[in-house]
Amino acid sequence: MNNVCCEVQQCENPGDRCDITDFRGFCVPPFDVGESCQKNSDCITNLCLFNICQVPPTPPPTPPTPGLATPTPVIIGKVDRSGGCHVAPESTSSGWLLWSLVGVLWLRRRTRSGSRLV
């Protein structure tokens, strides 16, 4: 256990430990890089690989944070369920066009039906 010693109640030096291999129960500093060890807490770097205290690897660089997204232009379309052309309600020309078409068809029918009666 860390800081539980036989010779004193707690280690006086802040870095000393009482659970170092071969020195259990006595306040000793952890082993330096390159010294033999049996567990991570035996080393000052807290990294024991292949029974030797190692230098911890350099952490990878922090990835850059993405900038603010630029807004993309949006095309807004209007869908008409009838499938035909959409005429704005403010336009009066569509009404005149429709009524003139009705009038032409009516006159055409009338002239055809008049010729049959004679």
N, C-alpha and C. Protein backbone atom coordinates (compact mmCIF):
# COMPACT_ATOMS: atom_id res chain seq x y z
N MET A 1 0.84 -1.18 0.00
CA MET A 1 0.00 0.00 0.00
C MET A 1 0.88 1.24 0.00
N ASN A 2 0.40 2.27 -0.59
CA ASN A 2 1.13 3.52 -0.66
C ASN A 2 1.05 4.23 0.68
N ASN A 3 2.17 4.72 1.14
CA ASN A 3 2.28 5.52 2.37
C ASN A 3 1.87 4.76 3.63
N VAL A 4 1.85 3.44 3.62
CA VAL A 4 1.64 2.66 4.85
C VAL A 4 2.96 1.95 5.11
N CYS A 5 3.65 2.40 6.12
CA CYS A 5 5.01 1.91 6.36
C CYS A 5 5.13 1.26 7.72
N CYS A 6 6.16 0.43 7.83
CA CYS A 6 6.43 -0.23 9.10
C CYS A 6 7.25 0.66 10.02
N GLU A 7 8.19 1.41 9.45
CA GLU A 7 9.09 2.21 10.28
C GLU A 7 8.43 3.51 10.77
N VAL A 8 7.58 4.11 9.95
CA VAL A 8 6.85 5.33 10.35
C VAL A 8 5.41 5.18 9.88
N GLN A 9 4.54 6.05 10.41
CA GLN A 9 3.14 5.95 10.04
C GLN A 9 2.92 6.41 8.59
N GLN A 10 3.58 7.49 8.19
CA GLN A 10 3.51 7.99 6.82
C GLN A 10 4.88 8.48 6.40
N CYS A 11 5.16 8.42 5.09
CA CYS A 11 6.44 8.91 4.57
C CYS A 11 6.49 10.42 4.68
N GLU A 12 7.67 10.94 5.06
CA GLU A 12 7.83 12.38 5.21
C GLU A 12 8.04 13.06 3.86
N ASN A 13 8.80 12.45 2.97
CA ASN A 13 9.02 13.04 1.64
C ASN A 13 7.80 12.76 0.76
N PRO A 14 7.32 13.76 0.04
CA PRO A 14 6.08 13.59 -0.72
C PRO A 14 6.17 12.54 -1.83
N GLY A 15 7.31 12.30 -2.44
CA GLY A 15 7.41 11.33 -3.52
C GLY A 15 7.69 9.92 -3.07
N ASP A 16 8.06 9.71 -1.82
CA ASP A 16 8.42 8.37 -1.33
C ASP A 16 7.18 7.48 -1.21
N ARG A 17 7.42 6.17 -1.37
CA ARG A 17 6.34 5.19 -1.26
C ARG A 17 6.83 4.01 -0.42
N CYS A 18 5.88 3.26 0.12
CA CYS A 18 6.21 2.09 0.94
C CYS A 18 5.86 0.78 0.26
N ASP A 19 5.47 0.84 -1.02
CA ASP A 19 5.09 -0.38 -1.73
C ASP A 19 6.05 -0.70 -2.88
N ILE A 20 7.25 -0.13 -2.85
CA ILE A 20 8.23 -0.39 -3.89
C ILE A 20 8.78 -1.81 -3.73
N THR A 21 8.93 -2.52 -4.84
CA THR A 21 9.41 -3.90 -4.82
C THR A 21 10.77 -3.98 -4.13
N ASP A 22 10.95 -4.99 -3.28
CA ASP A 22 12.16 -5.24 -2.48
C ASP A 22 12.35 -4.24 -1.35
N PHE A 23 11.50 -3.25 -1.20
CA PHE A 23 11.60 -2.28 -0.10
C PHE A 23 10.24 -2.08 0.57
N ARG A 24 9.38 -3.06 0.54
CA ARG A 24 8.04 -2.92 1.12
C ARG A 24 8.13 -2.61 2.61
N GLY A 25 7.32 -1.62 2.98
CA GLY A 25 7.27 -1.22 4.38
C GLY A 25 8.25 -0.11 4.72
N PHE A 26 9.11 0.28 3.79
CA PHE A 26 10.09 1.34 4.05
C PHE A 26 9.88 2.48 3.05
N CYS A 27 10.07 3.69 3.51
CA CYS A 27 9.90 4.87 2.66
C CYS A 27 11.10 5.00 1.73
N VAL A 28 10.87 4.80 0.45
CA VAL A 28 11.92 4.97 -0.57
C VAL A 28 11.29 5.66 -1.79
N PRO A 29 12.10 6.43 -2.51
CA PRO A 29 11.56 7.05 -3.73
C PRO A 29 11.41 6.01 -4.84
N PRO A 30 10.50 6.21 -5.76
CA PRO A 30 10.35 5.27 -6.89
C PRO A 30 11.62 5.23 -7.74
N PHE A 31 11.76 4.15 -8.50
CA PHE A 31 12.95 3.97 -9.33
C PHE A 31 12.92 4.92 -10.52
N ASP A 32 14.13 5.28 -10.96
CA ASP A 32 14.27 6.19 -12.10
C ASP A 32 14.21 5.40 -13.41
N VAL A 33 14.14 6.10 -14.52
CA VAL A 33 14.08 5.48 -15.85
C VAL A 33 15.32 4.61 -16.07
N GLY A 34 15.10 3.38 -16.53
CA GLY A 34 16.19 2.46 -16.81
C GLY A 34 16.45 1.47 -15.69
N GLU A 35 15.92 1.69 -14.50
CA GLU A 35 16.12 0.75 -13.38
C GLU A 35 15.11 -0.38 -13.49
N SER A 36 15.43 -1.52 -12.87
CA SER A 36 14.54 -2.68 -12.93
C SER A 36 13.33 -2.47 -12.02
N CYS A 37 12.22 -3.05 -12.43
CA CYS A 37 10.96 -2.88 -11.69
C CYS A 37 10.11 -4.12 -11.89
N GLN A 38 9.02 -4.20 -11.12
CA GLN A 38 8.08 -5.31 -11.27
C GLN A 38 6.65 -4.82 -11.52
N LYS A 39 6.38 -3.56 -11.20
CA LYS A 39 5.04 -3.00 -11.43
C LYS A 39 5.17 -1.50 -11.70
N ASN A 40 4.13 -0.91 -12.25
CA ASN A 40 4.17 0.50 -12.63
C ASN A 40 4.47 1.43 -11.46
N SER A 41 3.93 1.13 -10.29
CA SER A 41 4.15 2.03 -9.14
C SER A 41 5.60 1.99 -8.64
N ASP A 42 6.42 1.05 -9.11
CA ASP A 42 7.84 1.03 -8.74
C ASP A 42 8.60 2.17 -9.42
N CYS A 43 8.09 2.69 -10.51
CA CYS A 43 8.81 3.69 -11.32
C CYS A 43 8.30 5.10 -11.04
N ILE A 44 9.21 6.06 -11.17
CA ILE A 44 8.84 7.46 -11.00
C ILE A 44 7.91 7.91 -12.13
N THR A 45 8.05 7.27 -13.30
CA THR A 45 7.20 7.61 -14.45
C THR A 45 5.89 6.81 -14.47
N ASN A 46 5.72 5.89 -13.53
CA ASN A 46 4.55 5.01 -13.47
C ASN A 46 4.39 4.16 -14.73
N LEU A 47 5.53 3.76 -15.35
CA LEU A 47 5.49 2.92 -16.53
C LEU A 47 6.61 1.89 -16.47
N CYS A 48 6.24 0.65 -16.14
CA CYS A 48 7.19 -0.46 -16.06
C CYS A 48 6.88 -1.41 -17.21
N LEU A 49 7.80 -1.45 -18.21
CA LEU A 49 7.65 -2.34 -19.36
C LEU A 49 8.83 -3.28 -19.42
N PHE A 50 8.55 -4.57 -19.55
CA PHE A 50 9.59 -5.60 -19.61
C PHE A 50 10.54 -5.51 -18.42
N ASN A 51 9.99 -5.20 -17.23
CA ASN A 51 10.73 -5.11 -15.96
C ASN A 51 11.78 -4.00 -15.95
N ILE A 52 11.58 -2.95 -16.74
CA ILE A 52 12.47 -1.77 -16.73
C ILE A 52 11.59 -0.53 -16.76
N CYS A 53 11.92 0.44 -15.91
CA CYS A 53 11.18 1.70 -15.89
C CYS A 53 11.40 2.45 -17.20
N GLN A 54 10.32 2.83 -17.85
CA GLN A 54 10.38 3.46 -19.17
C GLN A 54 9.86 4.90 -19.12
N VAL A 55 10.27 5.65 -20.14
CA VAL A 55 9.74 7.01 -20.32
C VAL A 55 8.37 6.86 -20.99
N PRO A 56 7.35 7.53 -20.49
CA PRO A 56 6.04 7.42 -21.15
C PRO A 56 6.10 8.00 -22.56
N PRO A 57 5.32 7.44 -23.47
CA PRO A 57 5.33 7.95 -24.85
C PRO A 57 4.76 9.36 -24.91
N THR A 58 5.22 10.07 -25.92
CA THR A 58 4.70 11.43 -26.13
C THR A 58 3.27 11.33 -26.64
N PRO A 59 2.36 12.06 -26.02
CA PRO A 59 0.97 11.98 -26.49
C PRO A 59 0.86 12.57 -27.90
N PRO A 60 -0.08 12.08 -28.67
CA PRO A 60 -0.25 12.62 -30.03
C PRO A 60 -0.71 14.08 -29.96
N PRO A 61 -0.41 14.84 -30.99
CA PRO A 61 -0.82 16.24 -30.96
C PRO A 61 -2.34 16.37 -30.97
N THR A 62 -2.79 17.42 -30.38
CA THR A 62 -4.23 17.68 -30.33
C THR A 62 -4.70 18.08 -31.73
N PRO A 63 -5.73 17.41 -32.23
CA PRO A 63 -6.20 17.79 -33.56
C PRO A 63 -6.77 19.20 -33.54
N PRO A 64 -6.61 19.92 -34.64
CA PRO A 64 -7.14 21.29 -34.66
C PRO A 64 -8.66 21.27 -34.60
N THR A 65 -9.18 22.26 -33.95
CA THR A 65 -10.64 22.36 -33.86
C THR A 65 -11.16 22.95 -35.17
N PRO A 66 -12.23 22.41 -35.68
CA PRO A 66 -12.75 22.94 -36.94
C PRO A 66 -13.32 24.33 -36.73
N GLY A 67 -13.17 25.15 -37.76
CA GLY A 67 -13.70 26.50 -37.70
C GLY A 67 -15.21 26.49 -37.84
N LEU A 68 -15.78 27.65 -37.79
CA LEU A 68 -17.22 27.76 -37.95
C LEU A 68 -17.59 27.41 -39.39
N ALA A 69 -18.65 26.70 -39.53
CA ALA A 69 -19.10 26.30 -40.86
C ALA A 69 -19.66 27.51 -41.60
N THR A 70 -19.31 27.61 -42.87
CA THR A 70 -19.85 28.70 -43.67
C THR A 70 -21.22 28.27 -44.20
N PRO A 71 -22.16 29.16 -44.15
CA PRO A 71 -23.49 28.79 -44.62
C PRO A 71 -23.49 28.55 -46.13
N THR A 72 -24.20 27.54 -46.56
CA THR A 72 -24.30 27.24 -47.98
C THR A 72 -25.60 27.81 -48.51
N PRO A 73 -25.61 28.27 -49.76
CA PRO A 73 -26.86 28.81 -50.30
C PRO A 73 -27.89 27.70 -50.44
N VAL A 74 -29.14 28.07 -50.22
CA VAL A 74 -30.23 27.10 -50.26
C VAL A 74 -31.21 27.53 -51.35
N ILE A 75 -31.61 26.59 -52.18
CA ILE A 75 -32.61 26.86 -53.19
C ILE A 75 -33.94 26.34 -52.67
N ILE A 76 -34.91 27.23 -52.59
CA ILE A 76 -36.22 26.85 -52.07
C ILE A 76 -37.18 26.76 -53.25
N GLY A 77 -37.74 25.61 -53.44
CA GLY A 77 -38.71 25.43 -54.52
C GLY A 77 -40.09 25.17 -53.95
N LYS A 78 -41.11 25.47 -54.74
CA LYS A 78 -42.47 25.24 -54.29
C LYS A 78 -43.06 24.11 -55.11
N VAL A 79 -43.59 23.12 -54.45
CA VAL A 79 -44.16 21.97 -55.14
C VAL A 79 -45.67 22.13 -55.16
N ASP A 80 -46.25 21.98 -56.34
CA ASP A 80 -47.70 22.06 -56.49
C ASP A 80 -48.23 20.64 -56.63
N ARG A 81 -49.20 20.26 -55.82
CA ARG A 81 -49.70 18.89 -55.83
C ARG A 81 -50.46 18.56 -57.12
N SER A 82 -51.01 19.55 -57.78
CA SER A 82 -51.76 19.27 -59.00
C SER A 82 -50.86 18.91 -60.16
N GLY A 83 -49.57 19.23 -60.04
CA GLY A 83 -48.64 18.90 -61.10
C GLY A 83 -48.60 19.94 -62.20
N GLY A 84 -49.44 20.94 -62.13
CA GLY A 84 -49.47 21.97 -63.16
C GLY A 84 -48.67 23.19 -62.75
N CYS A 85 -48.85 24.23 -63.53
CA CYS A 85 -48.15 25.48 -63.24
C CYS A 85 -48.85 26.18 -62.09
N HIS A 86 -48.08 26.87 -61.34
CA HIS A 86 -48.63 27.61 -60.22
C HIS A 86 -48.69 29.08 -60.62
N VAL A 87 -49.88 29.66 -60.55
CA VAL A 87 -50.06 31.06 -60.89
C VAL A 87 -50.31 31.81 -59.60
N ALA A 88 -49.63 32.90 -59.45
CA ALA A 88 -49.77 33.68 -58.22
C ALA A 88 -51.18 34.25 -58.13
N PRO A 89 -51.77 34.30 -56.94
CA PRO A 89 -53.13 34.81 -56.80
C PRO A 89 -53.24 36.30 -57.12
N GLU A 90 -52.15 37.05 -57.10
CA GLU A 90 -52.21 38.47 -57.37
C GLU A 90 -52.38 38.75 -58.86
N SER A 91 -52.09 37.76 -59.71
CA SER A 91 -52.11 37.96 -61.15
C SER A 91 -53.55 37.86 -61.68
N THR A 92 -54.00 38.88 -62.41
CA THR A 92 -55.34 38.85 -63.00
C THR A 92 -55.30 38.37 -64.44
N SER A 93 -54.13 38.32 -65.05
CA SER A 93 -54.03 37.90 -66.45
C SER A 93 -54.42 36.43 -66.61
N SER A 94 -54.20 35.63 -65.62
CA SER A 94 -54.56 34.22 -65.73
C SER A 94 -56.07 34.05 -65.83
N GLY A 95 -56.81 34.87 -65.13
CA GLY A 95 -58.27 34.81 -65.21
C GLY A 95 -58.79 35.21 -66.58
N TRP A 96 -58.23 36.28 -67.14
CA TRP A 96 -58.63 36.72 -68.49
C TRP A 96 -58.28 35.66 -69.52
N LEU A 97 -57.12 35.04 -69.37
CA LEU A 97 -56.71 34.01 -70.31
C LEU A 97 -57.65 32.81 -70.24
N LEU A 98 -58.03 32.42 -69.06
CA LEU A 98 -58.93 31.29 -68.89
C LEU A 98 -60.31 31.60 -69.48
N TRP A 99 -60.84 32.77 -69.19
CA TRP A 99 -62.17 33.13 -69.70
C TRP A 99 -62.17 33.31 -71.22
N SER A 100 -61.09 33.82 -71.76
CA SER A 100 -61.04 33.95 -73.22
C SER A 100 -60.97 32.57 -73.88
N LEU A 101 -60.28 31.60 -73.26
CA LEU A 101 -60.24 30.24 -73.79
C LEU A 101 -61.64 29.62 -73.76
N VAL A 102 -62.37 29.84 -72.68
CA VAL A 102 -63.74 29.33 -72.57
C VAL A 102 -64.60 29.97 -73.66
N GLY A 103 -64.43 31.27 -73.86
CA GLY A 103 -65.23 31.96 -74.88
C GLY A 103 -64.94 31.45 -76.28
N VAL A 104 -63.67 31.23 -76.61
CA VAL A 104 -63.31 30.73 -77.94
C VAL A 104 -63.90 29.35 -78.15
N LEU A 105 -63.80 28.49 -77.16
CA LEU A 105 -64.36 27.14 -77.30
C LEU A 105 -65.88 27.17 -77.44
N TRP A 106 -66.53 28.07 -76.75
CA TRP A 106 -67.99 28.17 -76.81
C TRP A 106 -68.42 28.66 -78.20
N LEU A 107 -67.70 29.68 -78.71
CA LEU A 107 -68.04 30.20 -80.04
C LEU A 107 -67.79 29.14 -81.12
N ARG A 108 -66.74 28.40 -80.98
CA ARG A 108 -66.40 27.37 -81.95
C ARG A 108 -67.46 26.27 -81.97
N ARG A 109 -67.90 25.90 -80.81
CA ARG A 109 -68.93 24.87 -80.71
C ARG A 109 -70.24 25.37 -81.29
N ARG A 110 -70.53 26.62 -81.02
CA ARG A 110 -71.79 27.20 -81.49
C ARG A 110 -71.81 27.27 -83.01
N THR A 111 -70.69 27.65 -83.60
CA THR A 111 -70.66 27.74 -85.06
C THR A 111 -70.75 26.37 -85.70
N ARG A 112 -70.20 25.38 -85.09
CA ARG A 112 -70.29 24.02 -85.64
C ARG A 112 -71.71 23.48 -85.50
N SER A 113 -72.31 23.72 -84.35
CA SER A 113 -73.66 23.21 -84.14
C SER A 113 -74.67 23.95 -85.02
N GLY A 114 -74.42 25.22 -85.34
CA GLY A 114 -75.32 26.00 -86.20
C GLY A 114 -75.32 25.52 -87.62
N SER A 115 -74.21 25.01 -88.09
CA SER A 115 -74.14 24.55 -89.48
C SER A 115 -74.87 23.23 -89.67
N ARG A 116 -75.05 22.49 -88.64
CA ARG A 116 -75.73 21.20 -88.74
C ARG A 116 -77.25 21.38 -88.83
N LEU A 117 -77.74 22.44 -88.25
CA LEU A 117 -79.18 22.62 -88.20
C LEU A 117 -79.76 23.00 -89.57
N VAL A 118 -79.06 23.55 -90.41
CA VAL A 118 -79.61 24.04 -91.68
C VAL A 118 -79.84 22.98 -92.68
